[in-house]
Amino acid sequence: MKKTFKAQNIACSGCSNLIKSSLEDSFGTIEVNLDVEPKEVTVEIADDTKEATFKEEMKTLGFEIIEE
């Protein structure tokens, strides 16, 4: 299921490319919307475990997911 997360600290296409190059091998195609504030990251999430892993990986990269 595709899921969109709001994330902190994403500023530019360089940030977007870092997320994609670091995480696409594990999570498949990742879309980063730089046109909204806060920035949005859309990814295919299979289950809660995969979602938790994605959030942790994003945090490791310096882009914390904003919990709603």
N, C-alpha and C. Protein backbone atom coordinates (compact mmCIF):
# COMPACT_ATOMS: atom_id res chain seq x y z
N MET A 1 0.84 -1.17 0.00
CA MET A 1 0.00 0.00 0.00
C MET A 1 0.89 1.24 0.00
N LYS A 2 0.58 2.18 -0.88
CA LYS A 2 1.34 3.43 -0.90
C LYS A 2 0.95 4.28 0.29
N LYS A 3 1.96 4.87 0.92
CA LYS A 3 1.71 5.70 2.08
C LYS A 3 2.56 6.95 1.97
N THR A 4 1.99 8.09 2.35
CA THR A 4 2.71 9.36 2.30
C THR A 4 3.00 9.83 3.71
N PHE A 5 4.25 10.19 3.93
CA PHE A 5 4.70 10.69 5.23
C PHE A 5 5.18 12.12 5.08
N LYS A 6 4.93 12.94 6.09
CA LYS A 6 5.49 14.28 6.15
C LYS A 6 6.82 14.16 6.89
N ALA A 7 7.85 14.86 6.38
CA ALA A 7 9.18 14.72 6.97
C ALA A 7 9.84 16.07 7.20
N GLN A 8 10.65 16.13 8.25
CA GLN A 8 11.41 17.34 8.57
C GLN A 8 12.76 17.31 7.88
N ASN A 9 13.31 18.51 7.69
CA ASN A 9 14.69 18.72 7.24
C ASN A 9 14.95 18.41 5.77
N ILE A 10 13.94 18.11 4.98
CA ILE A 10 14.16 17.94 3.53
C ILE A 10 14.10 19.32 2.91
N ALA A 11 15.21 19.74 2.29
CA ALA A 11 15.29 21.11 1.80
C ALA A 11 15.38 21.22 0.28
N CYS A 12 15.94 20.21 -0.38
CA CYS A 12 16.24 20.39 -1.81
C CYS A 12 16.30 19.04 -2.52
N SER A 13 16.61 19.09 -3.80
CA SER A 13 16.70 17.87 -4.59
C SER A 13 17.86 17.00 -4.12
N GLY A 14 18.89 17.59 -3.52
CA GLY A 14 19.99 16.81 -2.97
C GLY A 14 19.50 15.90 -1.85
N CYS A 15 18.63 16.45 -0.99
CA CYS A 15 18.03 15.65 0.09
C CYS A 15 17.18 14.53 -0.52
N SER A 16 16.40 14.88 -1.51
CA SER A 16 15.55 13.91 -2.18
C SER A 16 16.38 12.78 -2.78
N ASN A 17 17.47 13.13 -3.44
CA ASN A 17 18.34 12.12 -4.05
C ASN A 17 19.00 11.23 -3.00
N LEU A 18 19.37 11.81 -1.85
CA LEU A 18 19.96 11.02 -0.77
C LEU A 18 18.96 9.98 -0.26
N ILE A 19 17.72 10.40 -0.06
CA ILE A 19 16.68 9.48 0.40
C ILE A 19 16.49 8.35 -0.60
N LYS A 20 16.36 8.72 -1.87
CA LYS A 20 16.13 7.72 -2.91
C LYS A 20 17.31 6.76 -3.05
N SER A 21 18.51 7.28 -3.12
CA SER A 21 19.67 6.40 -3.31
C SER A 21 19.92 5.51 -2.10
N SER A 22 19.58 5.99 -0.92
CA SER A 22 19.81 5.21 0.30
C SER A 22 18.74 4.16 0.56
N LEU A 23 17.50 4.44 0.17
CA LEU A 23 16.40 3.60 0.61
C LEU A 23 15.66 2.83 -0.49
N GLU A 24 15.86 3.18 -1.76
CA GLU A 24 15.07 2.52 -2.82
C GLU A 24 15.40 1.03 -2.96
N ASP A 25 16.62 0.62 -2.63
CA ASP A 25 16.94 -0.82 -2.70
C ASP A 25 16.08 -1.61 -1.71
N SER A 26 15.79 -1.03 -0.57
CA SER A 26 15.00 -1.72 0.46
C SER A 26 13.50 -1.52 0.31
N PHE A 27 13.09 -0.35 -0.20
CA PHE A 27 11.67 0.00 -0.18
C PHE A 27 11.05 0.21 -1.56
N GLY A 28 11.81 0.08 -2.63
CA GLY A 28 11.26 0.30 -3.97
C GLY A 28 11.21 1.78 -4.29
N THR A 29 10.42 2.14 -5.27
CA THR A 29 10.34 3.52 -5.74
C THR A 29 9.86 4.44 -4.63
N ILE A 30 10.58 5.53 -4.45
CA ILE A 30 10.23 6.54 -3.45
C ILE A 30 10.01 7.87 -4.17
N GLU A 31 8.90 8.53 -3.85
CA GLU A 31 8.61 9.84 -4.42
C GLU A 31 8.75 10.88 -3.32
N VAL A 32 9.45 12.00 -3.63
CA VAL A 32 9.61 13.08 -2.67
C VAL A 32 8.98 14.34 -3.27
N ASN A 33 8.00 14.90 -2.59
CA ASN A 33 7.32 16.12 -3.05
C ASN A 33 7.97 17.32 -2.37
N LEU A 34 8.73 18.09 -3.16
CA LEU A 34 9.42 19.27 -2.63
C LEU A 34 8.56 20.53 -2.73
N ASP A 35 7.34 20.41 -3.27
CA ASP A 35 6.48 21.57 -3.50
C ASP A 35 5.56 21.89 -2.34
N VAL A 36 5.60 21.12 -1.28
CA VAL A 36 4.73 21.36 -0.12
C VAL A 36 5.59 21.54 1.13
N GLU A 37 4.99 22.10 2.16
CA GLU A 37 5.68 22.28 3.44
C GLU A 37 4.79 21.76 4.55
N PRO A 38 5.16 20.80 5.35
CA PRO A 38 6.44 20.09 5.26
C PRO A 38 6.49 19.17 4.05
N LYS A 39 7.70 18.82 3.63
CA LYS A 39 7.90 17.96 2.46
C LYS A 39 7.27 16.59 2.70
N GLU A 40 6.86 15.95 1.60
CA GLU A 40 6.20 14.65 1.69
C GLU A 40 7.01 13.58 0.97
N VAL A 41 7.04 12.41 1.58
CA VAL A 41 7.72 11.25 1.01
C VAL A 41 6.69 10.14 0.86
N THR A 42 6.52 9.63 -0.38
CA THR A 42 5.57 8.57 -0.64
C THR A 42 6.33 7.29 -0.98
N VAL A 43 5.92 6.21 -0.32
CA VAL A 43 6.63 4.94 -0.47
C VAL A 43 5.63 3.79 -0.34
N GLU A 44 5.96 2.67 -0.94
CA GLU A 44 5.14 1.46 -0.83
C GLU A 44 5.49 0.76 0.48
N ILE A 45 4.50 0.65 1.37
CA ILE A 45 4.71 0.05 2.69
C ILE A 45 3.84 -1.21 2.79
N ALA A 46 4.48 -2.35 3.06
CA ALA A 46 3.75 -3.62 3.09
C ALA A 46 3.05 -3.86 4.42
N ASP A 47 3.69 -3.49 5.53
CA ASP A 47 3.11 -3.77 6.84
C ASP A 47 3.70 -2.82 7.89
N ASP A 48 3.24 -2.97 9.13
CA ASP A 48 3.68 -2.08 10.21
C ASP A 48 5.18 -2.20 10.49
N THR A 49 5.71 -3.40 10.34
CA THR A 49 7.14 -3.61 10.57
C THR A 49 7.95 -2.83 9.55
N LYS A 50 7.54 -2.91 8.29
CA LYS A 50 8.24 -2.20 7.21
C LYS A 50 8.12 -0.69 7.42
N GLU A 51 6.96 -0.23 7.90
CA GLU A 51 6.76 1.20 8.17
C GLU A 51 7.70 1.67 9.27
N ALA A 52 7.81 0.91 10.33
CA ALA A 52 8.71 1.26 11.44
C ALA A 52 10.15 1.30 10.96
N THR A 53 10.53 0.35 10.13
CA THR A 53 11.89 0.31 9.58
C THR A 53 12.15 1.53 8.72
N PHE A 54 11.17 1.90 7.88
CA PHE A 54 11.31 3.07 7.01
C PHE A 54 11.50 4.34 7.85
N LYS A 55 10.67 4.51 8.88
CA LYS A 55 10.78 5.70 9.73
C LYS A 55 12.15 5.77 10.42
N GLU A 56 12.65 4.63 10.87
CA GLU A 56 13.95 4.59 11.53
C GLU A 56 15.08 4.92 10.54
N GLU A 57 14.98 4.37 9.33
CA GLU A 57 15.99 4.65 8.29
C GLU A 57 15.99 6.14 7.93
N MET A 58 14.80 6.73 7.81
CA MET A 58 14.70 8.16 7.51
C MET A 58 15.35 8.98 8.63
N LYS A 59 15.09 8.60 9.87
CA LYS A 59 15.67 9.31 11.02
C LYS A 59 17.19 9.21 10.99
N THR A 60 17.71 8.03 10.65
CA THR A 60 19.16 7.83 10.55
C THR A 60 19.77 8.76 9.52
N LEU A 61 19.04 9.02 8.43
CA LEU A 61 19.52 9.93 7.38
C LEU A 61 19.39 11.40 7.78
N GLY A 62 18.67 11.67 8.88
CA GLY A 62 18.49 13.05 9.33
C GLY A 62 17.16 13.66 8.96
N PHE A 63 16.22 12.83 8.48
CA PHE A 63 14.90 13.31 8.06
C PHE A 63 13.84 12.64 8.91
N GLU A 64 13.49 13.26 10.02
CA GLU A 64 12.53 12.64 10.93
C GLU A 64 11.10 12.76 10.40
N ILE A 65 10.36 11.67 10.50
CA ILE A 65 8.97 11.65 10.08
C ILE A 65 8.13 12.39 11.14
N ILE A 66 7.23 13.25 10.68
CA ILE A 66 6.35 14.00 11.57
C ILE A 66 5.12 13.13 11.84
N GLU A 67 4.94 12.76 13.09
CA GLU A 67 3.78 11.94 13.46
C GLU A 67 2.55 12.82 13.54
N GLU A 68 1.46 12.33 12.99
CA GLU A 68 0.21 13.11 12.99
C GLU A 68 -0.78 12.56 13.96
